[in-house]
Amino acid sequence: MAPTDHSPKPAGQATKHPALAMLRGALIAALVVGVNATAVSTVAAGAAGLWGALLGLLMVIVFSGAGLIALHLSRKTSPTMQLAVAMASYTGRIAIFGGLLAVALSSDSLARHVNLTVLGLVALVVVMGWMAGEIWAWSRLRVPIYDLDKEVTA
């Protein structure tokens, strides 16, 4: 079947930027889940619930998105370097998250304006949505299992 104008890519063509495709799928899912969770949180906990939900949504998008962007930026390096970038990105994000969490838990001003329980619950729900969107996007990528650019010598 020949490709048409409305088909996204011809059959057999590999996805050029898989990390960006996964980022797009994950971001859409996270926003859908996050907006709904924010609406429920606002009704249940008022303005403090709204701020907690928005902060939880923002944290997940920034921290999870940073990992996929790091992988995208390292896409032309060796697989060993990509693994190192992924591990360094993960370790760095966890360290930054731990520091921000320590600051948040010791801040009286934040506790007055933000419902920290809602923040945690919304962050968990949005992470699950993010992961579902990322898995869904990955399952639709066209990643060759062999190198199409190499000449066969047999």
Protein backbone atom coordinates (compact mmCIF):
# COMPACT_ATOMS: atom_id res chain seq x y z
CA MET A 1 0.00 0.00 0.00
CA ALA A 2 1.49 3.34 -1.04
CA PRO A 3 1.79 6.13 1.50
CA THR A 4 -0.84 8.83 1.25
CA ASP A 5 -0.77 12.50 2.18
CA HIS A 6 -2.52 11.85 5.47
CA SER A 7 -0.30 8.97 6.62
CA PRO A 8 2.38 10.08 9.11
CA LYS A 9 5.25 8.08 7.57
CA PRO A 10 5.73 5.50 4.86
CA ALA A 11 5.82 1.84 5.81
CA GLY A 12 9.26 0.67 6.88
CA GLN A 13 10.54 4.10 7.88
CA ALA A 14 12.04 4.14 11.39
CA THR A 15 11.10 6.76 13.97
CA LYS A 16 13.83 9.42 13.84
CA HIS A 17 13.49 10.76 17.37
CA PRO A 18 12.01 8.10 19.66
CA ALA A 19 12.62 10.03 22.90
CA LEU A 20 10.63 13.00 21.59
CA ALA A 21 7.80 10.73 20.48
CA MET A 22 7.74 9.18 23.94
CA LEU A 23 7.85 12.66 25.51
CA ARG A 24 4.87 13.74 23.42
CA GLY A 25 2.81 10.66 24.38
CA ALA A 26 3.72 10.93 28.04
CA LEU A 27 3.05 14.67 28.18
CA ILE A 28 -0.41 14.29 26.65
CA ALA A 29 -1.34 11.53 29.10
CA ALA A 30 0.09 13.44 32.08
CA LEU A 31 -1.80 16.60 31.16
CA VAL A 32 -5.10 14.74 30.76
CA VAL A 33 -4.68 12.99 34.10
CA GLY A 34 -3.27 16.12 35.76
CA VAL A 35 -6.06 18.45 34.67
CA ASN A 36 -8.69 16.01 35.91
CA ALA A 37 -6.84 15.49 39.20
CA THR A 38 -6.52 19.27 39.60
CA ALA A 39 -10.25 19.73 39.11
CA VAL A 40 -11.08 17.04 41.67
CA SER A 41 -8.50 18.43 44.12
CA THR A 42 -9.84 21.96 43.81
CA VAL A 43 -13.38 20.80 44.57
CA ALA A 44 -12.21 18.60 47.46
CA ALA A 45 -9.61 20.87 49.10
CA GLY A 46 -10.20 24.38 47.77
CA ALA A 47 -7.42 26.77 46.78
CA ALA A 48 -4.76 24.88 48.74
CA GLY A 49 -5.75 21.73 46.84
CA LEU A 50 -5.52 23.61 43.54
CA TRP A 51 -1.98 24.81 44.30
CA GLY A 52 -0.94 21.39 45.57
CA ALA A 53 -2.27 19.67 42.44
CA LEU A 54 -0.65 22.19 40.09
CA LEU A 55 2.68 21.88 41.90
CA GLY A 56 2.50 18.07 41.77
CA LEU A 57 1.69 18.16 38.05
CA LEU A 58 4.53 20.59 37.35
CA MET A 59 7.04 18.52 39.31
CA VAL A 60 6.23 15.33 37.39
CA ILE A 61 6.37 17.05 34.00
CA VAL A 62 9.69 18.78 34.73
CA PHE A 63 11.46 15.84 36.35
CA SER A 64 10.19 13.12 34.02
CA GLY A 65 10.54 15.28 30.93
CA ALA A 66 14.14 16.14 31.80
CA GLY A 67 15.08 12.47 31.59
CA LEU A 68 13.61 12.03 28.11
CA ILE A 69 15.19 15.26 26.90
CA ALA A 70 18.58 14.07 28.20
CA LEU A 71 18.13 10.82 26.27
CA HIS A 72 17.18 12.75 23.15
CA LEU A 73 20.26 14.95 23.41
CA SER A 74 22.50 11.88 23.74
CA ARG A 75 20.91 9.99 20.83
CA LYS A 76 23.99 10.21 18.58
CA THR A 77 26.42 8.85 21.17
CA SER A 78 27.35 5.23 21.81
CA PRO A 79 24.94 2.98 23.73
CA THR A 80 27.36 2.99 26.67
CA MET A 81 27.31 6.78 26.79
CA GLN A 82 23.51 6.79 26.52
CA LEU A 83 23.30 4.50 29.52
CA ALA A 84 25.67 6.77 31.45
CA VAL A 85 23.59 9.83 30.54
CA ALA A 86 20.38 8.06 31.59
CA MET A 87 21.86 6.98 34.92
CA ALA A 88 23.40 10.41 35.62
CA SER A 89 20.15 12.12 34.69
CA TYR A 90 18.16 9.84 36.98
CA THR A 91 20.60 10.24 39.88
CA GLY A 92 20.68 14.02 39.45
CA ARG A 93 16.90 14.29 39.28
CA ILE A 94 16.49 12.18 42.42
CA ALA A 95 19.04 14.33 44.29
CA ILE A 96 17.34 17.57 43.23
CA PHE A 97 13.92 16.15 44.08
CA GLY A 98 15.16 15.12 47.54
CA GLY A 99 16.52 18.60 48.16
CA LEU A 100 13.30 20.27 47.06
CA LEU A 101 11.29 17.86 49.19
CA ALA A 102 13.40 18.71 52.26
CA VAL A 103 12.86 22.42 51.64
CA ALA A 104 9.13 21.94 51.08
CA LEU A 105 8.61 19.92 54.24
CA SER A 106 10.41 22.50 56.37
CA SER A 107 8.61 25.51 54.88
CA ASP A 108 5.74 26.87 56.96
CA SER A 109 4.77 29.30 54.20
CA LEU A 110 4.36 26.51 51.67
CA ALA A 111 2.32 24.43 54.12
CA ARG A 112 -0.09 27.37 54.63
CA HIS A 113 -0.81 27.81 50.92
CA VAL A 114 -0.39 24.31 49.49
CA ASN A 115 -2.10 21.09 50.53
CA LEU A 116 0.92 18.75 50.70
CA THR A 117 -1.26 15.62 50.81
CA VAL A 118 -2.92 16.64 47.54
CA LEU A 119 0.50 17.43 46.09
CA GLY A 120 1.73 13.91 46.85
CA LEU A 121 -1.41 12.15 45.66
CA VAL A 122 -1.62 14.13 42.42
CA ALA A 123 2.08 13.56 41.76
CA LEU A 124 1.57 9.79 42.15
CA VAL A 125 -1.47 9.76 39.87
CA VAL A 126 0.26 11.91 37.24
CA VAL A 127 3.36 9.68 37.32
CA MET A 128 1.13 6.69 36.57
CA GLY A 129 -0.45 8.61 33.69
CA TRP A 130 2.99 9.69 32.45
CA MET A 131 4.25 6.11 32.47
CA ALA A 132 1.14 4.85 30.68
CA GLY A 133 1.57 7.50 27.99
CA GLU A 134 5.27 6.74 27.64
CA ILE A 135 4.61 3.00 27.30
CA TRP A 136 1.81 3.64 24.80
CA ALA A 137 4.07 5.88 22.70
CA TRP A 138 6.97 3.39 22.88
CA SER A 139 4.72 0.55 21.70
CA ARG A 140 3.94 2.52 18.54
CA LEU A 141 7.51 3.48 17.63
CA ARG A 142 9.14 1.99 14.58
CA VAL A 143 12.55 0.99 15.90
CA PRO A 144 14.48 -1.39 13.64
CA ILE A 145 15.97 -4.46 15.28
CA TYR A 146 18.92 -4.35 12.91
CA ASP A 147 21.02 -1.58 11.37
CA LEU A 148 19.49 -0.56 8.04
CA ASP A 149 22.47 1.61 7.06
CA LYS A 150 25.12 -1.12 7.13
CA GLU A 151 25.93 -3.13 4.02
CA VAL A 152 25.54 -6.90 4.36
CA THR A 153 28.79 -8.77 3.68
CA ALA A 154 28.04 -12.46 3.45
